[in-house]
Amino acid sequence: MLAYATQLTRDRAAAEDVVQEALVRAWRHPDSLDSGKGSVRGWLLTVVRNIVLDQIRARNRRPPEVRESPPDAAVEGDHADRVVNSMVVVDALSTLSDEHRAVLEQVYLRGSTVSEAAEVLGIPPGTVKSRSYYALRALREAGGRERLAS
């Protein structure tokens, strides 16, 4: 019985379950074994085949399982930190002088080199460097105060 079930299922563990189920059915219906219509071996092998076919039919009735597909849109993380940081930067920028703010705008927002920023602002390159240094220092200090206050 086990060899036949293994041949049908191609899985030893599944075949053992099928044989166990066939023997349980034989135990529950002993009158089927003594009917005299055929051999007990034939009856048991028929039960094994029927159990395997029932399992195959049950498996085919269920829709096939599919893996969960990745979400269509990328999930964005919490942007609260960026909002808070931008608020801190805006507040800190408002404390800077117009000259310092203009240098930072040219160098960091527009991506100008020191020479290009000096030409646009009409000041020497050394002044662009020093204003940039002091403006960034003031921003760091203002940002540190904001973090301590909150």
N, C-alpha and C. Protein backbone atom coordinates (compact mmCIF):
# COMPACT_ATOMS: atom_id res chain seq x y z
N MET A 1 0.83 -1.20 0.00
CA MET A 1 0.00 0.00 0.00
C MET A 1 0.87 1.25 0.00
N LEU A 2 1.93 1.22 0.80
CA LEU A 2 2.80 2.39 0.89
C LEU A 2 3.51 2.63 -0.44
N ALA A 3 3.97 1.57 -1.07
CA ALA A 3 4.66 1.72 -2.36
C ALA A 3 3.70 2.28 -3.41
N TYR A 4 2.48 1.79 -3.43
CA TYR A 4 1.49 2.27 -4.39
C TYR A 4 1.15 3.74 -4.14
N ALA A 5 0.95 4.09 -2.87
CA ALA A 5 0.63 5.48 -2.52
C ALA A 5 1.80 6.41 -2.85
N THR A 6 3.03 5.93 -2.61
CA THR A 6 4.21 6.74 -2.93
C THR A 6 4.31 6.94 -4.44
N GLN A 7 4.01 5.92 -5.19
CA GLN A 7 4.03 6.03 -6.65
C GLN A 7 2.99 7.05 -7.13
N LEU A 8 1.83 7.08 -6.52
CA LEU A 8 0.78 8.00 -6.93
C LEU A 8 1.06 9.45 -6.51
N THR A 9 1.57 9.62 -5.29
CA THR A 9 1.76 10.98 -4.76
C THR A 9 3.14 11.54 -5.05
N ARG A 10 4.12 10.66 -5.25
CA ARG A 10 5.53 11.05 -5.43
C ARG A 10 6.06 11.80 -4.22
N ASP A 11 5.50 11.46 -3.06
CA ASP A 11 5.91 12.09 -1.80
C ASP A 11 5.71 11.08 -0.68
N ARG A 12 6.80 10.71 -0.03
CA ARG A 12 6.75 9.66 0.99
C ARG A 12 5.85 10.06 2.16
N ALA A 13 5.98 11.29 2.62
CA ALA A 13 5.18 11.72 3.77
C ALA A 13 3.69 11.74 3.43
N ALA A 14 3.37 12.25 2.24
CA ALA A 14 1.96 12.27 1.82
C ALA A 14 1.44 10.85 1.64
N ALA A 15 2.28 9.96 1.13
CA ALA A 15 1.88 8.56 0.95
C ALA A 15 1.59 7.91 2.30
N GLU A 16 2.38 8.20 3.29
CA GLU A 16 2.14 7.64 4.63
C GLU A 16 0.80 8.12 5.17
N ASP A 17 0.47 9.39 4.93
CA ASP A 17 -0.82 9.91 5.38
C ASP A 17 -1.97 9.21 4.66
N VAL A 18 -1.79 8.95 3.38
CA VAL A 18 -2.83 8.28 2.59
C VAL A 18 -3.04 6.86 3.11
N VAL A 19 -1.96 6.12 3.37
CA VAL A 19 -2.07 4.75 3.88
C VAL A 19 -2.75 4.75 5.24
N GLN A 20 -2.38 5.70 6.07
CA GLN A 20 -3.01 5.78 7.40
C GLN A 20 -4.51 6.02 7.26
N GLU A 21 -4.90 6.93 6.36
CA GLU A 21 -6.32 7.21 6.15
C GLU A 21 -7.03 5.96 5.61
N ALA A 22 -6.40 5.23 4.71
CA ALA A 22 -7.01 4.00 4.16
C ALA A 22 -7.22 2.97 5.25
N LEU A 23 -6.24 2.82 6.14
CA LEU A 23 -6.37 1.85 7.23
C LEU A 23 -7.44 2.28 8.23
N VAL A 24 -7.57 3.58 8.45
CA VAL A 24 -8.63 4.07 9.35
C VAL A 24 -10.00 3.76 8.74
N ARG A 25 -10.12 3.96 7.44
CA ARG A 25 -11.40 3.65 6.77
C ARG A 25 -11.70 2.15 6.84
N ALA A 26 -10.68 1.32 6.68
CA ALA A 26 -10.88 -0.13 6.79
C ALA A 26 -11.32 -0.49 8.20
N TRP A 27 -10.75 0.17 9.20
CA TRP A 27 -11.09 -0.08 10.59
C TRP A 27 -12.54 0.31 10.87
N ARG A 28 -12.97 1.45 10.29
CA ARG A 28 -14.33 1.93 10.54
C ARG A 28 -15.39 1.14 9.75
N HIS A 29 -15.01 0.52 8.65
CA HIS A 29 -15.96 -0.21 7.81
C HIS A 29 -15.49 -1.65 7.59
N PRO A 30 -15.45 -2.44 8.65
CA PRO A 30 -14.98 -3.82 8.50
C PRO A 30 -15.92 -4.68 7.64
N ASP A 31 -17.17 -4.29 7.56
CA ASP A 31 -18.12 -5.05 6.76
C ASP A 31 -17.79 -5.00 5.27
N SER A 32 -17.12 -3.94 4.82
CA SER A 32 -16.72 -3.83 3.40
C SER A 32 -15.64 -4.84 3.07
N LEU A 33 -14.85 -5.22 4.04
CA LEU A 33 -13.77 -6.16 3.80
C LEU A 33 -14.28 -7.60 3.68
N ASP A 34 -15.39 -7.91 4.34
CA ASP A 34 -15.91 -9.28 4.36
C ASP A 34 -17.04 -9.51 3.35
N SER A 35 -17.23 -8.60 2.44
CA SER A 35 -18.37 -8.72 1.53
C SER A 35 -18.22 -9.87 0.54
N GLY A 36 -17.03 -10.35 0.32
CA GLY A 36 -16.81 -11.46 -0.59
C GLY A 36 -16.78 -11.05 -2.05
N LYS A 37 -16.80 -9.76 -2.34
CA LYS A 37 -16.80 -9.29 -3.73
C LYS A 37 -15.40 -9.26 -4.33
N GLY A 38 -14.38 -9.32 -3.53
CA GLY A 38 -13.02 -9.26 -4.03
C GLY A 38 -12.05 -9.40 -2.88
N SER A 39 -10.80 -9.20 -3.20
CA SER A 39 -9.79 -9.36 -2.16
C SER A 39 -9.69 -8.10 -1.29
N VAL A 40 -9.21 -8.32 -0.10
CA VAL A 40 -8.99 -7.20 0.82
C VAL A 40 -7.91 -6.28 0.25
N ARG A 41 -6.90 -6.88 -0.35
CA ARG A 41 -5.80 -6.10 -0.94
C ARG A 41 -6.33 -5.18 -2.04
N GLY A 42 -7.17 -5.70 -2.89
CA GLY A 42 -7.76 -4.90 -3.96
C GLY A 42 -8.59 -3.75 -3.43
N TRP A 43 -9.39 -4.04 -2.38
CA TRP A 43 -10.22 -3.02 -1.77
C TRP A 43 -9.36 -1.90 -1.18
N LEU A 44 -8.29 -2.28 -0.46
CA LEU A 44 -7.40 -1.29 0.16
C LEU A 44 -6.69 -0.43 -0.90
N LEU A 45 -6.24 -1.06 -1.99
CA LEU A 45 -5.57 -0.29 -3.04
C LEU A 45 -6.54 0.66 -3.73
N THR A 46 -7.78 0.25 -3.88
CA THR A 46 -8.80 1.13 -4.46
C THR A 46 -9.06 2.32 -3.53
N VAL A 47 -9.11 2.05 -2.24
CA VAL A 47 -9.31 3.14 -1.27
C VAL A 47 -8.14 4.11 -1.33
N VAL A 48 -6.92 3.59 -1.43
CA VAL A 48 -5.73 4.45 -1.52
C VAL A 48 -5.84 5.34 -2.76
N ARG A 49 -6.18 4.73 -3.90
CA ARG A 49 -6.29 5.51 -5.14
C ARG A 49 -7.38 6.57 -5.02
N ASN A 50 -8.50 6.22 -4.42
CA ASN A 50 -9.59 7.19 -4.26
C ASN A 50 -9.19 8.35 -3.35
N ILE A 51 -8.46 8.05 -2.30
CA ILE A 51 -8.02 9.11 -1.39
C ILE A 51 -7.07 10.07 -2.12
N VAL A 52 -6.14 9.53 -2.89
CA VAL A 52 -5.21 10.36 -3.65
C VAL A 52 -5.96 11.22 -4.66
N LEU A 53 -6.92 10.62 -5.36
CA LEU A 53 -7.71 11.40 -6.33
C LEU A 53 -8.53 12.49 -5.65
N ASP A 54 -9.09 12.19 -4.49
CA ASP A 54 -9.84 13.20 -3.75
C ASP A 54 -8.95 14.37 -3.35
N GLN A 55 -7.72 14.07 -2.93
CA GLN A 55 -6.79 15.14 -2.57
C GLN A 55 -6.43 16.01 -3.77
N ILE A 56 -6.22 15.35 -4.92
CA ILE A 56 -5.89 16.10 -6.14
C ILE A 56 -7.06 16.99 -6.55
N ARG A 57 -8.26 16.45 -6.50
CA ARG A 57 -9.44 17.25 -6.85
C ARG A 57 -9.62 18.42 -5.90
N ALA A 58 -9.42 18.18 -4.62
CA ALA A 58 -9.56 19.27 -3.64
C ALA A 58 -8.52 20.36 -3.88
N ARG A 59 -7.31 19.95 -4.21
CA ARG A 59 -6.24 20.91 -4.47
C ARG A 59 -6.56 21.75 -5.72
N ASN A 60 -7.13 21.11 -6.73
CA ASN A 60 -7.45 21.81 -7.97
C ASN A 60 -8.67 22.73 -7.84
N ARG A 61 -9.52 22.46 -6.88
CA ARG A 61 -10.70 23.32 -6.68
C ARG A 61 -10.32 24.66 -6.10
N ARG A 62 -9.30 24.68 -5.24
CA ARG A 62 -8.86 25.93 -4.63
C ARG A 62 -8.10 26.75 -5.65
N PRO A 63 -8.27 28.05 -5.64
CA PRO A 63 -7.46 28.86 -6.54
C PRO A 63 -5.99 28.77 -6.12
N PRO A 64 -5.10 28.81 -7.09
CA PRO A 64 -3.68 28.72 -6.73
C PRO A 64 -3.25 29.91 -5.88
N GLU A 65 -2.39 29.62 -4.94
CA GLU A 65 -1.90 30.69 -4.08
C GLU A 65 -0.84 31.48 -4.83
N VAL A 66 -0.93 32.78 -4.70
CA VAL A 66 0.05 33.65 -5.34
C VAL A 66 0.78 34.46 -4.27
N ARG A 67 2.01 34.74 -4.58
CA ARG A 67 2.78 35.56 -3.65
C ARG A 67 2.24 36.97 -3.63
N GLU A 68 2.43 37.60 -2.51
CA GLU A 68 1.99 38.98 -2.39
C GLU A 68 2.87 39.85 -3.28
N SER A 69 2.23 40.64 -4.11
CA SER A 69 2.99 41.48 -5.02
C SER A 69 3.47 42.73 -4.28
N PRO A 70 4.59 43.28 -4.70
CA PRO A 70 5.06 44.50 -4.05
C PRO A 70 4.09 45.65 -4.33
N PRO A 71 4.03 46.59 -3.43
CA PRO A 71 3.10 47.70 -3.65
C PRO A 71 3.49 48.49 -4.90
N ASP A 72 2.46 49.04 -5.56
CA ASP A 72 2.71 49.80 -6.79
C ASP A 72 3.50 51.07 -6.53
N ALA A 73 3.12 51.77 -5.51
CA ALA A 73 3.81 53.03 -5.21
C ALA A 73 4.81 52.82 -4.09
N ALA A 74 5.90 53.51 -4.19
CA ALA A 74 6.90 53.42 -3.14
C ALA A 74 6.36 54.08 -1.88
N VAL A 75 6.57 53.42 -0.77
CA VAL A 75 6.09 53.93 0.49
C VAL A 75 7.11 54.93 1.02
N GLU A 76 6.63 56.11 1.31
CA GLU A 76 7.53 57.15 1.81
C GLU A 76 7.49 57.13 3.32
N GLY A 77 8.63 57.31 3.91
CA GLY A 77 8.71 57.34 5.36
C GLY A 77 8.14 58.62 5.92
N ASP A 78 8.15 58.72 7.20
CA ASP A 78 7.63 59.89 7.88
C ASP A 78 8.50 61.09 7.53
N HIS A 79 7.89 62.16 7.11
CA HIS A 79 8.64 63.34 6.70
C HIS A 79 8.58 64.44 7.76
N ALA A 80 8.17 64.11 8.96
CA ALA A 80 8.05 65.11 10.02
C ALA A 80 9.40 65.73 10.35
N ASP A 81 10.47 64.92 10.36
CA ASP A 81 11.79 65.47 10.67
C ASP A 81 12.21 66.50 9.64
N ARG A 82 11.93 66.23 8.37
CA ARG A 82 12.29 67.19 7.32
C ARG A 82 11.51 68.48 7.48
N VAL A 83 10.24 68.39 7.84
CA VAL A 83 9.42 69.58 8.03
C VAL A 83 9.96 70.41 9.19
N VAL A 84 10.26 69.74 10.28
CA VAL A 84 10.80 70.45 11.45
C VAL A 84 12.14 71.09 11.11
N ASN A 85 13.01 70.35 10.42
CA ASN A 85 14.32 70.90 10.05
C ASN A 85 14.17 72.11 9.13
N SER A 86 13.24 72.02 8.17
CA SER A 86 13.06 73.16 7.28
C SER A 86 12.52 74.37 8.04
N MET A 87 11.66 74.15 9.03
CA MET A 87 11.15 75.27 9.83
C MET A 87 12.29 75.90 10.64
N VAL A 88 13.16 75.07 11.16
CA VAL A 88 14.30 75.58 11.93
C VAL A 88 15.22 76.39 11.02
N VAL A 89 15.46 75.90 9.81
CA VAL A 89 16.33 76.61 8.87
C VAL A 89 15.71 77.94 8.46
N VAL A 90 14.40 77.95 8.18
CA VAL A 90 13.73 79.20 7.80
C VAL A 90 13.82 80.21 8.93
N ASP A 91 13.57 79.77 10.16
CA ASP A 91 13.69 80.68 11.30
C ASP A 91 15.11 81.19 11.46
N ALA A 92 16.08 80.30 11.29
CA ALA A 92 17.48 80.71 11.43
C ALA A 92 17.88 81.65 10.31
N LEU A 93 17.40 81.42 9.10
CA LEU A 93 17.72 82.32 7.98
C LEU A 93 17.16 83.72 8.21
N SER A 94 16.03 83.81 8.88
CA SER A 94 15.43 85.13 9.14
C SER A 94 16.26 85.96 10.12
N THR A 95 17.13 85.29 10.88
CA THR A 95 17.98 86.03 11.82
C THR A 95 19.25 86.55 11.16
N LEU A 96 19.57 86.09 9.96
CA LEU A 96 20.78 86.51 9.25
C LEU A 96 20.59 87.88 8.61
N SER A 97 21.71 88.54 8.38
CA SER A 97 21.66 89.80 7.64
C SER A 97 21.39 89.51 6.17
N ASP A 98 20.97 90.55 5.44
CA ASP A 98 20.69 90.37 4.01
C ASP A 98 21.93 89.94 3.25
N GLU A 99 23.11 90.45 3.63
CA GLU A 99 24.34 90.12 2.94
C GLU A 99 24.68 88.63 3.12
N HIS A 100 24.57 88.16 4.34
CA HIS A 100 24.86 86.75 4.62
C HIS A 100 23.86 85.83 3.90
N ARG A 101 22.58 86.20 3.94
CA ARG A 101 21.55 85.40 3.29
C ARG A 101 21.77 85.36 1.77
N ALA A 102 22.17 86.48 1.18
CA ALA A 102 22.42 86.53 -0.26
C ALA A 102 23.58 85.62 -0.65
N VAL A 103 24.63 85.58 0.16
CA VAL A 103 25.77 84.70 -0.13
C VAL A 103 25.34 83.24 -0.06
N LEU A 104 24.60 82.87 0.97
CA LEU A 104 24.14 81.47 1.10
C LEU A 104 23.22 81.10 -0.06
N GLU A 105 22.38 82.03 -0.47
CA GLU A 105 21.48 81.75 -1.58
C GLU A 105 22.27 81.47 -2.86
N GLN A 106 23.29 82.27 -3.12
CA GLN A 106 24.09 82.07 -4.33
C GLN A 106 24.88 80.77 -4.28
N VAL A 107 25.53 80.53 -3.17
CA VAL A 107 26.44 79.38 -3.10
C VAL A 107 25.67 78.06 -2.93
N TYR A 108 24.68 78.01 -2.04
CA TYR A 108 24.03 76.74 -1.72
C TYR A 108 22.74 76.48 -2.49
N LEU A 109 21.94 77.51 -2.72
CA LEU A 109 20.69 77.28 -3.42
C LEU A 109 20.85 77.29 -4.94
N ARG A 110 21.66 78.21 -5.43
CA ARG A 110 21.85 78.31 -6.88
C ARG A 110 23.04 77.48 -7.36
N GLY A 111 23.89 77.03 -6.45
CA GLY A 111 25.03 76.17 -6.81
C GLY A 111 26.18 76.92 -7.46
N SER A 112 26.27 78.20 -7.21
CA SER A 112 27.35 78.99 -7.79
C SER A 112 28.66 78.71 -7.09
N THR A 113 29.75 78.87 -7.83
CA THR A 113 31.07 78.78 -7.21
C THR A 113 31.33 80.09 -6.47
N VAL A 114 32.40 80.13 -5.71
CA VAL A 114 32.75 81.35 -4.97
C VAL A 114 32.97 82.49 -5.96
N SER A 115 33.67 82.23 -7.04
CA SER A 115 33.95 83.27 -8.04
C SER A 115 32.66 83.76 -8.69
N GLU A 116 31.76 82.83 -9.04
CA GLU A 116 30.50 83.23 -9.66
C GLU A 116 29.64 84.04 -8.70
N ALA A 117 29.59 83.62 -7.44
CA ALA A 117 28.82 84.36 -6.44
C ALA A 117 29.41 85.74 -6.23
N ALA A 118 30.73 85.84 -6.22
CA ALA A 118 31.38 87.15 -6.05
C ALA A 118 31.02 88.06 -7.20
N GLU A 119 31.00 87.52 -8.41
CA GLU A 119 30.68 88.34 -9.58
C GLU A 119 29.23 88.81 -9.55
N VAL A 120 28.29 87.90 -9.19
CA VAL A 120 26.87 88.25 -9.14
C VAL A 120 26.60 89.27 -8.05
N LEU A 121 27.23 89.10 -6.89
CA LEU A 121 26.99 89.99 -5.75
C LEU A 121 27.83 91.25 -5.81
N GLY A 122 28.85 91.25 -6.64
CA GLY A 122 29.70 92.43 -6.77
C GLY A 122 30.62 92.63 -5.58
N ILE A 123 31.09 91.55 -4.99
CA ILE A 123 32.01 91.62 -3.85
C ILE A 123 33.21 90.73 -4.14
N PRO A 124 34.31 90.90 -3.44
CA PRO A 124 35.49 90.05 -3.66
C PRO A 124 35.23 88.60 -3.23
N PRO A 125 35.94 87.62 -3.86
CA PRO A 125 35.76 86.22 -3.48
C PRO A 125 36.06 85.94 -2.01
N GLY A 126 37.03 86.62 -1.43
CA GLY A 126 37.34 86.43 0.00
C GLY A 126 36.17 86.82 0.88
N THR A 127 35.45 87.86 0.48
CA THR A 127 34.28 88.29 1.25
C THR A 127 33.16 87.25 1.15
N VAL A 128 33.01 86.62 -0.02
CA VAL A 128 32.02 85.56 -0.18
C VAL A 128 32.35 84.41 0.78
N LYS A 129 33.63 84.05 0.85
CA LYS A 129 34.04 82.95 1.74
C LYS A 129 33.78 83.28 3.19
N SER A 130 34.14 84.48 3.61
CA SER A 130 33.98 84.83 5.03
C SER A 130 32.50 84.97 5.39
N ARG A 131 31.70 85.58 4.51
CA ARG A 131 30.27 85.70 4.80
C ARG A 131 29.61 84.33 4.84
N SER A 132 30.04 83.45 3.96
CA SER A 132 29.49 82.10 3.96
C SER A 132 29.84 81.38 5.27
N TYR A 133 31.09 81.54 5.71
CA TYR A 133 31.53 80.89 6.95
C TYR A 133 30.72 81.41 8.13
N TYR A 134 30.60 82.72 8.27
CA TYR A 134 29.89 83.29 9.42
C TYR A 134 28.38 83.04 9.35
N ALA A 135 27.84 83.00 8.14
CA ALA A 135 26.41 82.72 8.01
C ALA A 135 26.10 81.28 8.42
N LEU A 136 26.96 80.34 7.99
CA LEU A 136 26.75 78.94 8.39
C LEU A 136 26.91 78.75 9.89
N ARG A 137 27.88 79.45 10.45
CA ARG A 137 28.09 79.38 11.90
C ARG A 137 26.86 79.90 12.64
N ALA A 138 26.30 80.99 12.16
CA ALA A 138 25.09 81.56 12.78
C ALA A 138 23.92 80.60 12.64
N LEU A 139 23.82 79.94 11.49
CA LEU A 139 22.74 78.96 11.30
C LEU A 139 22.89 77.78 12.25
N ARG A 140 24.12 77.30 12.41
CA ARG A 140 24.35 76.19 13.34
C ARG A 140 23.97 76.58 14.77
N GLU A 141 24.37 77.78 15.17
CA GLU A 141 24.04 78.24 16.52
C GLU A 141 22.53 78.39 16.70
N ALA A 142 21.87 78.94 15.68
CA ALA A 142 20.42 79.12 15.76
C ALA A 142 19.72 77.75 15.77
N GLY A 143 20.22 76.82 14.99
CA GLY A 143 19.63 75.49 14.98
C GLY A 143 19.82 74.78 16.30
N GLY A 144 20.96 74.97 16.93
CA GLY A 144 21.22 74.37 18.24
C GLY A 144 20.31 74.95 19.30
N ARG A 145 20.05 76.26 19.24
CA ARG A 145 19.13 76.88 20.20
C ARG A 145 17.71 76.35 20.01
N GLU A 146 17.31 76.17 18.75
CA GLU A 146 15.96 75.67 18.48
C GLU A 146 15.79 74.25 19.04
N ARG A 147 16.81 73.43 18.86
CA ARG A 147 16.71 72.05 19.35
C ARG A 147 16.67 72.01 20.88
N LEU A 148 17.42 72.91 21.51
CA LEU A 148 17.40 72.95 22.97
C LEU A 148 16.07 73.46 23.48
N ALA A 149 15.44 74.37 22.76
CA ALA A 149 14.16 74.93 23.19
C ALA A 149 13.05 73.90 23.08
N SER A 150 13.15 72.97 22.13
CA SER A 150 12.05 72.00 21.94
C SER A 150 12.27 70.74 22.68
